[in-house]
N, C-alpha and C. Protein backbone atom coordinates (compact mmCIF):
# COMPACT_ATOMS: atom_id res chain seq x y z
N MET A 1 0.76 -1.01 0.01
CA MET A 1 0.19 -0.01 -0.16
C MET A 1 0.86 1.09 0.26
N ASN A 2 0.55 2.06 -0.86
CA ASN A 2 1.24 3.60 -0.74
C ASN A 2 0.95 4.15 0.36
N LYS A 3 1.50 5.23 0.78
CA LYS A 3 1.35 6.14 1.88
C LYS A 3 -0.06 6.87 1.88
N LEU A 4 -0.66 7.26 0.89
CA LEU A 4 -1.98 7.81 0.81
C LEU A 4 -2.88 6.72 1.28
N ALA A 5 -2.80 5.52 0.63
CA ALA A 5 -3.95 4.71 1.20
C ALA A 5 -3.83 4.17 2.44
N ARG A 6 -2.58 4.26 3.22
CA ARG A 6 -2.57 4.00 4.59
C ARG A 6 -3.21 4.92 5.40
N ILE A 7 -2.84 6.28 5.01
CA ILE A 7 -3.44 7.53 5.67
C ILE A 7 -5.06 7.30 5.41
N ASN A 8 -5.30 6.98 4.20
CA ASN A 8 -6.93 7.17 4.14
C ASN A 8 -7.53 5.73 4.91
N VAL A 9 -6.95 4.61 5.13
CA VAL A 9 -7.70 3.66 5.79
C VAL A 9 -7.56 3.95 7.28
N LEU A 10 -6.61 4.70 7.75
CA LEU A 10 -6.15 5.06 9.22
C LEU A 10 -7.53 5.98 9.43
N LEU A 11 -7.50 7.01 8.64
CA LEU A 11 -8.72 8.22 8.61
C LEU A 11 -9.84 7.36 8.83
N LEU A 12 -10.26 6.47 7.86
CA LEU A 12 -11.31 5.78 7.94
C LEU A 12 -11.65 5.11 9.29
N ILE A 13 -10.94 4.44 9.66
CA ILE A 13 -10.85 3.82 11.19
C ILE A 13 -11.08 4.61 12.24
N LEU A 14 -10.45 5.84 12.32
CA LEU A 14 -10.52 6.54 13.44
C LEU A 14 -12.02 7.44 13.56
N LEU A 15 -12.33 7.68 11.92
CA LEU A 15 -13.89 8.16 12.12
C LEU A 15 -14.95 7.23 12.34
N THR A 16 -14.62 6.03 12.18
CA THR A 16 -15.71 5.02 12.63
C THR A 16 -16.20 4.70 14.11
N PHE A 17 -15.02 4.95 14.86
CA PHE A 17 -14.96 4.94 16.16
C PHE A 17 -15.30 6.27 16.88
N SER A 18 -16.13 6.38 17.94
CA SER A 18 -16.34 7.53 18.53
C SER A 18 -15.11 7.62 19.43
N SER A 19 -14.91 9.15 20.20
CA SER A 19 -13.97 9.15 21.03
C SER A 19 -14.01 8.45 22.26
N CYS A 20 -15.18 8.28 22.54
CA CYS A 20 -15.20 7.67 24.07
C CYS A 20 -14.91 6.00 23.69
N GLU A 21 -15.28 5.51 22.55
CA GLU A 21 -14.79 4.20 22.47
C GLU A 21 -13.32 3.92 22.85
N VAL A 22 -12.66 4.89 21.78
CA VAL A 22 -11.18 4.70 21.88
C VAL A 22 -10.67 4.90 23.10
N VAL A 23 -11.06 5.94 23.83
CA VAL A 23 -10.74 6.03 25.44
C VAL A 23 -10.75 4.99 26.18
N GLU A 24 -12.19 4.53 26.04
CA GLU A 24 -12.58 3.13 26.87
C GLU A 24 -11.43 2.25 26.52
N GLY A 25 -11.22 1.92 25.28
CA GLY A 25 -10.37 0.75 24.79
C GLY A 25 -8.99 0.83 25.26
N ILE A 26 -8.42 2.16 25.28
CA ILE A 26 -7.08 2.48 25.75
C ILE A 26 -7.12 2.25 27.43
N PHE A 27 -8.19 2.72 27.95
CA PHE A 27 -8.17 2.66 29.47
C PHE A 27 -8.21 1.04 29.96
N ASN A 28 -9.02 0.43 28.94
CA ASN A 28 -9.04 -1.22 29.51
C ASN A 28 -7.72 -2.04 29.14
N LEU A 29 -7.22 -1.36 28.25
CA LEU A 29 -5.88 -1.86 28.01
C LEU A 29 -4.72 -1.58 29.03
N GLY A 30 -4.97 -0.45 29.54
CA GLY A 30 -4.14 0.33 30.84
C GLY A 30 -4.44 -0.75 31.95
N VAL A 31 -5.51 -0.80 32.48
CA VAL A 31 -5.86 -1.65 33.44
C VAL A 31 -5.50 -3.06 33.71
N GLY A 32 -5.58 -3.86 32.33
CA GLY A 32 -5.02 -5.08 32.14
C GLY A 32 -3.64 -5.09 32.13
N VAL A 33 -2.71 -3.92 31.77
CA VAL A 33 -1.24 -3.92 31.99
C VAL A 33 -0.82 -3.85 33.29
N GLY A 34 -1.57 -2.86 33.89
CA GLY A 34 -1.23 -2.64 35.50
C GLY A 34 -1.59 -3.71 36.28
N VAL A 35 -2.80 -4.85 36.03
CA VAL A 35 -3.00 -5.72 36.96
C VAL A 35 -1.86 -6.80 36.74
N PHE A 36 -1.24 -7.05 35.33
CA PHE A 36 -0.48 -7.93 35.08
C PHE A 36 0.95 -7.65 35.94
N ILE A 37 1.30 -6.31 36.10
CA ILE A 37 2.41 -5.72 36.27
C ILE A 37 2.30 -5.88 37.83
N VAL A 38 1.46 -5.74 38.75
CA VAL A 38 1.07 -6.01 40.35
C VAL A 38 1.08 -7.40 40.36
N VAL A 39 0.42 -8.25 39.69
CA VAL A 39 0.89 -9.76 39.95
C VAL A 39 2.07 -10.21 39.86
N ALA A 40 3.00 -9.70 38.77
CA ALA A 40 4.29 -10.02 38.60
C ALA A 40 5.25 -9.77 39.67
N ILE A 41 4.97 -8.73 40.30
CA ILE A 41 5.85 -7.82 41.32
C ILE A 41 5.65 -8.78 42.79
N ILE A 42 4.10 -8.96 43.11
CA ILE A 42 3.84 -10.03 44.07
C ILE A 42 4.48 -11.17 43.79
N ALA A 43 4.47 -11.93 42.78
CA ALA A 43 4.99 -13.24 42.41
C ALA A 43 6.65 -13.26 42.77
N LEU A 44 6.99 -12.05 42.23
CA LEU A 44 8.65 -12.06 42.46
C LEU A 44 8.93 -11.66 44.05
N ILE A 45 7.92 -11.12 44.69
CA ILE A 45 8.39 -10.75 46.28
C ILE A 45 8.17 -12.23 46.91
N ILE A 46 7.08 -13.02 46.56
CA ILE A 46 6.72 -14.34 47.20
C ILE A 46 8.08 -15.13 46.76
N PHE A 47 8.56 -15.07 45.71
CA PHE A 47 9.69 -15.89 45.25
C PHE A 47 11.07 -15.56 46.15
N ILE A 48 11.35 -14.39 46.35
CA ILE A 48 12.27 -13.79 46.96
C ILE A 48 12.55 -14.28 48.53
N ILE A 49 11.28 -14.12 48.88
CA ILE A 49 11.03 -14.46 50.43
C ILE A 49 11.09 -16.13 50.52
N SER A 50 10.67 -16.63 49.35
CA SER A 50 10.69 -18.32 49.63
C SER A 50 12.06 -18.76 49.80
N ARG A 51 13.03 -17.98 48.96
CA ARG A 51 14.31 -18.35 48.60
C ARG A 51 15.08 -17.85 49.77
N PHE A 52 14.80 -17.14 50.69
CA PHE A 52 15.38 -16.38 51.83
C PHE A 52 15.22 -17.56 53.41
N LYS A 53 13.77 -17.94 53.13
CA LYS A 53 13.46 -18.93 54.09
C LYS A 53 14.16 -20.09 54.34
N LYS A 54 14.88 -20.60 53.37
CA LYS A 54 15.83 -21.92 53.21
C LYS A 54 16.61 -22.24 53.84
């Protein structure tokens, strides 16, 4: 695809979604990443504590 066609496709996608849907999608992705990071940190802390108890 040439550059103009890519811009047209991107513009069409952006115009089909309302701004609320886009923000909601970004927020949901951020929440998912945040939960994953918190779980990973807790697992790391538990792993470190279990290594020192031996």
